Amino acid sequence: MELDAKSLEVDKFETYEDYLDSQISKKDMYYLSDQTLARQLVELGYRGTGEAFKREEFERRKREIEELRRNALSKNTQVYEIEC
């Protein structure tokens, strides 16, 4: 399973809402005055820095990253057990 830089970007955020919020500028909030609306506009691609992931895609990529971590940890544990 290969992950590109954009896929790894989701790992910086705890939740999908945090991810959307990271793409909302202070200027956006000044004019919109509504965080929910600002998030919807980012999700639809009208605001933000590039194309935003949909919730399902964000969560899928988070699961993939977690699976890669578990696999790497498992491999490290196996190597340690063999060396001991």
Protein backbone atom coordinates (compact mmCIF):
# COMPACT_ATOMS: atom_id res chain seq x y z
CA MET A 1 0.00 0.00 0.00
CA GLU A 2 1.63 3.25 -1.18
CA LEU A 3 0.60 6.61 0.20
CA ASP A 4 1.39 9.89 -1.49
CA ALA A 5 2.09 13.21 0.25
CA LYS A 6 -1.55 14.27 -0.04
CA SER A 7 -2.66 11.04 1.64
CA LEU A 8 -0.22 11.57 4.49
CA GLU A 9 -1.62 15.08 4.98
CA VAL A 10 -4.69 13.64 6.70
CA ASP A 11 -2.47 12.20 9.43
CA LYS A 12 -1.86 15.73 10.73
CA PHE A 13 -5.48 16.01 11.83
CA GLU A 14 -7.39 14.24 14.56
CA THR A 15 -10.81 14.72 12.96
CA TYR A 16 -12.31 15.55 9.59
CA GLU A 17 -13.57 18.84 11.00
CA ASP A 18 -10.00 19.77 12.03
CA TYR A 19 -8.90 18.99 8.48
CA LEU A 20 -11.59 21.26 7.01
CA ASP A 21 -10.84 24.00 9.53
CA SER A 22 -7.19 23.99 8.46
CA GLN A 23 -8.30 25.16 5.03
CA ILE A 24 -10.46 28.03 6.28
CA SER A 25 -8.74 31.41 6.43
CA LYS A 26 -9.42 34.25 8.85
CA LYS A 27 -10.71 36.20 5.88
CA ASP A 28 -13.21 33.40 5.12
CA MET A 29 -14.50 33.57 8.68
CA TYR A 30 -14.69 37.36 8.56
CA TYR A 31 -17.04 37.24 5.57
CA LEU A 32 -18.95 34.06 6.39
CA SER A 33 -19.17 34.31 10.20
CA ASP A 34 -20.36 30.69 10.26
CA GLN A 35 -17.91 27.84 10.77
CA THR A 36 -20.34 25.18 9.55
CA LEU A 37 -20.94 27.05 6.31
CA ALA A 38 -17.21 27.61 5.86
CA ARG A 39 -16.58 23.86 6.30
CA GLN A 40 -19.27 23.03 3.75
CA LEU A 41 -17.72 25.40 1.22
CA VAL A 42 -14.30 23.78 1.70
CA GLU A 43 -15.79 20.30 1.36
CA LEU A 44 -17.52 21.34 -1.87
CA GLY A 45 -14.28 22.77 -3.21
CA TYR A 46 -15.34 26.41 -3.27
CA ARG A 47 -12.84 27.48 -0.61
CA GLY A 48 -9.60 26.13 0.70
CA THR A 49 -6.22 25.19 -0.63
CA GLY A 50 -6.83 22.80 -3.46
CA GLU A 51 -9.24 19.90 -3.67
CA ALA A 52 -10.42 18.75 -0.24
CA PHE A 53 -11.08 15.13 0.63
CA LYS A 54 -14.64 14.09 1.23
CA ARG A 55 -15.32 12.62 4.68
CA GLU A 56 -15.30 9.01 3.40
CA GLU A 57 -11.98 9.51 1.62
CA PHE A 58 -10.45 11.21 4.66
CA GLU A 59 -11.51 8.36 6.95
CA ARG A 60 -10.32 5.70 4.47
CA ARG A 61 -6.90 7.31 4.28
CA LYS A 62 -6.72 7.59 8.08
CA ARG A 63 -7.47 3.85 8.31
CA GLU A 64 -4.77 3.07 5.71
CA ILE A 65 -2.19 5.07 7.63
CA GLU A 66 -3.14 3.34 10.89
CA GLU A 67 -2.89 -0.06 9.19
CA LEU A 68 0.58 0.82 7.89
CA ARG A 69 1.61 1.82 11.41
CA ARG A 70 0.31 -1.44 12.87
CA ASN A 71 2.10 -3.45 10.19
CA ALA A 72 5.36 -1.58 10.76
CA LEU A 73 5.07 -2.03 14.53
CA SER A 74 4.31 -5.72 14.05
CA LYS A 75 7.37 -6.16 11.83
CA ASN A 76 9.57 -4.34 14.36
CA THR A 77 8.26 -6.57 17.14
CA GLN A 78 8.94 -9.70 15.07
CA VAL A 79 12.50 -8.60 14.32
CA TYR A 80 13.11 -7.89 18.00
CA GLU A 81 11.76 -11.32 19.00
CA ILE A 82 14.03 -13.07 16.48
CA GLU A 83 17.11 -11.17 17.68
CA CYS A 84 16.51 -11.97 21.36
